[in-house]
């Protein structure tokens, strides 16, 4: 039967490595304001693809201490908000519609920050006014400018 004394140095080394990693791992998402050039690309609307074709738009993405705001270039576009976890996990979710009107759709995108290249968040816009039609979409953005 092994006494286990050989395990103590291995556990101590593992604990030391984990503490070191935690101290040097970049808290990319928690940094002060970062601006990114982004784009949203959406497939046609499943409820009526001919009437509502695929589209895309440029977006300005701002991440400030874990809060993400995605502002489309076109004035009628929906500003989207989300959060960025210290781990780099990203969730952008909420409701959208015309100003002063009840929400007409939900949006939900998820992914992980990529500091070495484009970050891609995959998700959808879904109609909540009836019918359950959806658009598959992605939001992508480059590392900070």
C-alpha atoms as a PDB file:
ATOM      1  CA  UNK A   1       0.000   0.000   0.000  1.00  0.00           C
ATOM      2  CA  UNK A   2       1.337   3.416  -0.976  1.00  0.00           C
ATOM      3  CA  UNK A   3       1.530   5.939   1.859  1.00  0.00           C
ATOM      4  CA  UNK A   4       0.587   8.889  -0.351  1.00  0.00           C
ATOM      5  CA  UNK A   5       3.618  10.979   0.611  1.00  0.00           C
ATOM      6  CA  UNK A   6       4.642  11.170  -3.060  1.00  0.00           C
ATOM      7  CA  UNK A   7       1.318  12.858  -3.848  1.00  0.00           C
ATOM      8  CA  UNK A   8       2.001  15.940  -1.721  1.00  0.00           C
ATOM      9  CA  UNK A   9       4.713  17.363  -4.022  1.00  0.00           C
ATOM     10  CA  UNK A  10       2.542  16.721  -7.111  1.00  0.00           C
ATOM     11  CA  UNK A  11      -0.496  18.393  -5.528  1.00  0.00           C
ATOM     12  CA  UNK A  12       1.638  21.351  -4.424  1.00  0.00           C
ATOM     13  CA  UNK A  13       3.086  21.693  -7.944  1.00  0.00           C
ATOM     14  CA  UNK A  14      -0.385  21.512  -9.498  1.00  0.00           C
ATOM     15  CA  UNK A  15      -1.751  24.104  -7.056  1.00  0.00           C
ATOM     16  CA  UNK A  16       1.227  26.381  -7.760  1.00  0.00           C
ATOM     17  CA  UNK A  17       0.699  26.053 -11.528  1.00  0.00           C
ATOM     18  CA  UNK A  18      -3.010  26.849 -11.199  1.00  0.00           C
ATOM     19  CA  UNK A  19      -2.325  29.932  -9.067  1.00  0.00           C
ATOM     20  CA  UNK A  20       0.329  31.125 -11.534  1.00  0.00           C
ATOM     21  CA  UNK A  21      -2.031  30.612 -14.484  1.00  0.00           C
ATOM     22  CA  UNK A  22      -4.815  32.503 -12.693  1.00  0.00           C
ATOM     23  CA  UNK A  23      -2.472  35.412 -12.018  1.00  0.00           C
ATOM     24  CA  UNK A  24      -1.084  35.707 -15.552  1.00  0.00           C
ATOM     25  CA  UNK A  25      -4.216  34.804 -17.556  1.00  0.00           C
ATOM     26  CA  UNK A  26      -5.391  37.943 -19.355  1.00  0.00           C
ATOM     27  CA  UNK A  27      -8.616  39.446 -18.090  1.00  0.00           C
ATOM     28  CA  UNK A  28      -9.291  40.624 -21.652  1.00  0.00           C
ATOM     29  CA  UNK A  29     -12.985  41.142 -21.052  1.00  0.00           C
ATOM     30  CA  UNK A  30     -12.534  43.181 -17.892  1.00  0.00           C
ATOM     31  CA  UNK A  31     -10.149  45.767 -19.377  1.00  0.00           C
ATOM     32  CA  UNK A  32     -11.244  49.378 -19.804  1.00  0.00           C
ATOM     33  CA  UNK A  33     -13.112  50.348 -22.963  1.00  0.00           C
ATOM     34  CA  UNK A  34     -12.132  48.487 -26.146  1.00  0.00           C
ATOM     35  CA  UNK A  35     -13.502  49.339 -29.597  1.00  0.00           C
ATOM     36  CA  UNK A  36     -13.873  46.755 -32.354  1.00  0.00           C
ATOM     37  CA  UNK A  37     -14.935  46.854 -36.001  1.00  0.00           C
ATOM     38  CA  UNK A  38     -17.687  44.278 -36.414  1.00  0.00           C
ATOM     39  CA  UNK A  39     -20.333  42.900 -38.731  1.00  0.00           C
ATOM     40  CA  UNK A  40     -23.677  41.141 -38.375  1.00  0.00           C
ATOM     41  CA  UNK A  41     -24.735  38.691 -41.101  1.00  0.00           C
ATOM     42  CA  UNK A  42     -28.239  37.187 -41.111  1.00  0.00           C
ATOM     43  CA  UNK A  43     -29.861  34.547 -43.328  1.00  0.00           C
ATOM     44  CA  UNK A  44     -33.324  35.104 -44.762  1.00  0.00           C
ATOM     45  CA  UNK A  45     -36.282  35.080 -42.381  1.00  0.00           C
ATOM     46  CA  UNK A  46     -37.716  31.554 -42.177  1.00  0.00           C
ATOM     47  CA  UNK A  47     -41.322  32.801 -42.143  1.00  0.00           C
ATOM     48  CA  UNK A  48     -41.120  34.540 -45.545  1.00  0.00           C
ATOM     49  CA  UNK A  49     -37.649  34.337 -47.148  1.00  0.00           C
ATOM     50  CA  UNK A  50     -38.652  36.207 -50.316  1.00  0.00           C
ATOM     51  CA  UNK A  51     -40.137  39.142 -48.425  1.00  0.00           C
ATOM     52  CA  UNK A  52     -37.346  39.192 -45.812  1.00  0.00           C
ATOM     53  CA  UNK A  53     -34.069  38.207 -47.556  1.00  0.00           C
ATOM     54  CA  UNK A  54     -30.627  37.778 -46.051  1.00  0.00           C
ATOM     55  CA  UNK A  55     -28.829  40.970 -45.002  1.00  0.00           C
ATOM     56  CA  UNK A  56     -25.689  42.230 -43.296  1.00  0.00           C
ATOM     57  CA  UNK A  57     -24.515  45.405 -41.628  1.00  0.00           C
ATOM     58  CA  UNK A  58     -21.335  46.813 -40.141  1.00  0.00           C
ATOM     59  CA  UNK A  59     -21.324  47.229 -36.370  1.00  0.00           C
ATOM     60  CA  UNK A  60     -19.308  49.145 -33.819  1.00  0.00           C
ATOM     61  CA  UNK A  61     -18.605  46.846 -30.898  1.00  0.00           C
ATOM     62  CA  UNK A  62     -17.578  48.337 -27.550  1.00  0.00           C
ATOM     63  CA  UNK A  63     -16.546  46.218 -24.565  1.00  0.00           C
ATOM     64  CA  UNK A  64     -16.175  48.147 -21.338  1.00  0.00           C
ATOM     65  CA  UNK A  65     -15.417  46.239 -18.132  1.00  0.00           C
ATOM     66  CA  UNK A  66     -17.424  43.202 -19.191  1.00  0.00           C
ATOM     67  CA  UNK A  67     -20.385  45.033 -20.768  1.00  0.00           C
ATOM     68  CA  UNK A  68     -20.726  44.661 -24.554  1.00  0.00           C
ATOM     69  CA  UNK A  69     -22.667  47.070 -26.787  1.00  0.00           C
ATOM     70  CA  UNK A  70     -23.081  46.344 -30.510  1.00  0.00           C
ATOM     71  CA  UNK A  71     -24.303  49.354 -32.511  1.00  0.00           C
ATOM     72  CA  UNK A  72     -25.230  48.808 -36.170  1.00  0.00           C
ATOM     73  CA  UNK A  73     -24.159  51.304 -38.844  1.00  0.00           C
ATOM     74  CA  UNK A  74     -27.673  51.748 -40.276  1.00  0.00           C
ATOM     75  CA  UNK A  75     -29.910  54.022 -38.198  1.00  0.00           C
ATOM     76  CA  UNK A  76     -32.877  51.608 -38.100  1.00  0.00           C
ATOM     77  CA  UNK A  77     -30.634  48.791 -36.790  1.00  0.00           C
ATOM     78  CA  UNK A  78     -31.082  47.296 -33.330  1.00  0.00           C
ATOM     79  CA  UNK A  79     -28.490  48.160 -30.671  1.00  0.00           C
ATOM     80  CA  UNK A  80     -27.674  44.903 -28.872  1.00  0.00           C
ATOM     81  CA  UNK A  81     -26.187  44.463 -25.425  1.00  0.00           C
ATOM     82  CA  UNK A  82     -24.491  41.616 -23.646  1.00  0.00           C
ATOM     83  CA  UNK A  83     -21.841  40.527 -21.208  1.00  0.00           C
ATOM     84  CA  UNK A  84     -18.312  39.226 -21.472  1.00  0.00           C
ATOM     85  CA  UNK A  85     -17.183  36.950 -18.644  1.00  0.00           C
ATOM     86  CA  UNK A  86     -13.614  37.042 -17.274  1.00  0.00           C
ATOM     87  CA  UNK A  87     -13.121  33.676 -19.033  1.00  0.00           C
ATOM     88  CA  UNK A  88     -13.893  35.333 -22.389  1.00  0.00           C
ATOM     89  CA  UNK A  89     -17.328  33.730 -22.786  1.00  0.00           C
ATOM     90  CA  UNK A  90     -19.715  36.161 -24.513  1.00  0.00           C
ATOM     91  CA  UNK A  91     -23.525  36.282 -24.349  1.00  0.00           C
ATOM     92  CA  UNK A  92     -25.489  38.937 -26.246  1.00  0.00           C
ATOM     93  CA  UNK A  93     -29.225  38.583 -25.632  1.00  0.00           C
ATOM     94  CA  UNK A  94     -32.368  40.684 -25.387  1.00  0.00           C
ATOM     95  CA  UNK A  95     -35.480  41.917 -27.161  1.00  0.00           C
ATOM     96  CA  UNK A  96     -35.791  44.241 -30.127  1.00  0.00           C
ATOM     97  CA  UNK A  97     -38.409  46.215 -31.964  1.00  0.00           C
ATOM     98  CA  UNK A  98     -39.336  49.622 -33.242  1.00  0.00           C
ATOM     99  CA  UNK A  99     -38.893  52.525 -30.804  1.00  0.00           C
ATOM    100  CA  UNK A 100     -41.996  53.082 -28.670  1.00  0.00           C
ATOM    101  CA  UNK A 101     -43.545  49.739 -29.716  1.00  0.00           C
ATOM    102  CA  UNK A 102     -43.714  46.407 -27.894  1.00  0.00           C
ATOM    103  CA  UNK A 103     -40.793  44.049 -28.644  1.00  0.00           C
ATOM    104  CA  UNK A 104     -41.139  42.141 -31.918  1.00  0.00           C
ATOM    105  CA  UNK A 105     -38.197  39.767 -31.702  1.00  0.00           C
ATOM    106  CA  UNK A 106     -35.542  38.358 -29.429  1.00  0.00           C
ATOM    107  CA  UNK A 107     -31.854  38.157 -30.184  1.00  0.00           C
ATOM    108  CA  UNK A 108     -29.356  35.730 -28.735  1.00  0.00           C
ATOM    109  CA  UNK A 109     -25.700  35.212 -29.662  1.00  0.00           C
ATOM    110  CA  UNK A 110     -22.930  33.327 -27.886  1.00  0.00           C
ATOM    111  CA  UNK A 111     -19.255  32.598 -28.375  1.00  0.00           C
ATOM    112  CA  UNK A 112     -15.814  33.207 -26.918  1.00  0.00           C
ATOM    113  CA  UNK A 113     -13.419  36.136 -27.352  1.00  0.00           C
ATOM    114  CA  UNK A 114     -10.469  35.463 -29.630  1.00  0.00           C
ATOM    115  CA  UNK A 115      -7.575  37.850 -28.966  1.00  0.00           C
ATOM    116  CA  UNK A 116      -5.577  36.421 -31.918  1.00  0.00           C
ATOM    117  CA  UNK A 117      -8.162  36.844 -34.658  1.00  0.00           C
ATOM    118  CA  UNK A 118     -11.842  37.427 -35.295  1.00  0.00           C
ATOM    119  CA  UNK A 119     -14.343  36.638 -32.561  1.00  0.00           C
ATOM    120  CA  UNK A 120     -17.469  34.969 -33.964  1.00  0.00           C
ATOM    121  CA  UNK A 121     -20.738  34.900 -32.015  1.00  0.00           C
ATOM    122  CA  UNK A 122     -23.394  32.588 -33.461  1.00  0.00           C
ATOM    123  CA  UNK A 123     -27.091  32.977 -32.811  1.00  0.00           C
ATOM    124  CA  UNK A 124     -30.435  34.088 -34.111  1.00  0.00           C
ATOM    125  CA  UNK A 125     -33.173  36.657 -34.258  1.00  0.00           C
ATOM    126  CA  UNK A 126     -36.569  35.118 -33.424  1.00  0.00           C
ATOM    127  CA  UNK A 127     -40.029  36.597 -33.991  1.00  0.00           C
ATOM    128  CA  UNK A 128     -42.039  36.772 -30.749  1.00  0.00           C
ATOM    129  CA  UNK A 129     -45.150  38.333 -32.304  1.00  0.00           C
ATOM    130  CA  UNK A 130     -46.348  34.920 -33.483  1.00  0.00           C
ATOM    131  CA  UNK A 131     -45.380  32.254 -35.947  1.00  0.00           C
ATOM    132  CA  UNK A 132     -41.999  31.411 -34.431  1.00  0.00           C
ATOM    133  CA  UNK A 133     -40.026  32.424 -37.533  1.00  0.00           C
ATOM    134  CA  UNK A 134     -36.261  32.888 -37.110  1.00  0.00           C
ATOM    135  CA  UNK A 135     -33.129  34.186 -38.779  1.00  0.00           C
ATOM    136  CA  UNK A 136     -29.804  32.450 -38.194  1.00  0.00           C
ATOM    137  CA  UNK A 137     -27.140  35.109 -37.735  1.00  0.00           C
ATOM    138  CA  UNK A 138     -23.578  35.715 -36.665  1.00  0.00           C
ATOM    139  CA  UNK A 139     -21.797  38.721 -35.239  1.00  0.00           C
ATOM    140  CA  UNK A 140     -18.062  38.874 -35.824  1.00  0.00           C
ATOM    141  CA  UNK A 141     -15.435  41.406 -34.795  1.00  0.00           C
ATOM    142  CA  UNK A 142     -11.692  41.872 -34.912  1.00  0.00           C
ATOM    143  CA  UNK A 143      -9.416  42.373 -31.893  1.00  0.00           C
ATOM    144  CA  UNK A 144      -9.480  45.936 -30.455  1.00  0.00           C
ATOM    145  CA  UNK A 145      -8.389  48.822 -32.673  1.00  0.00           C
END
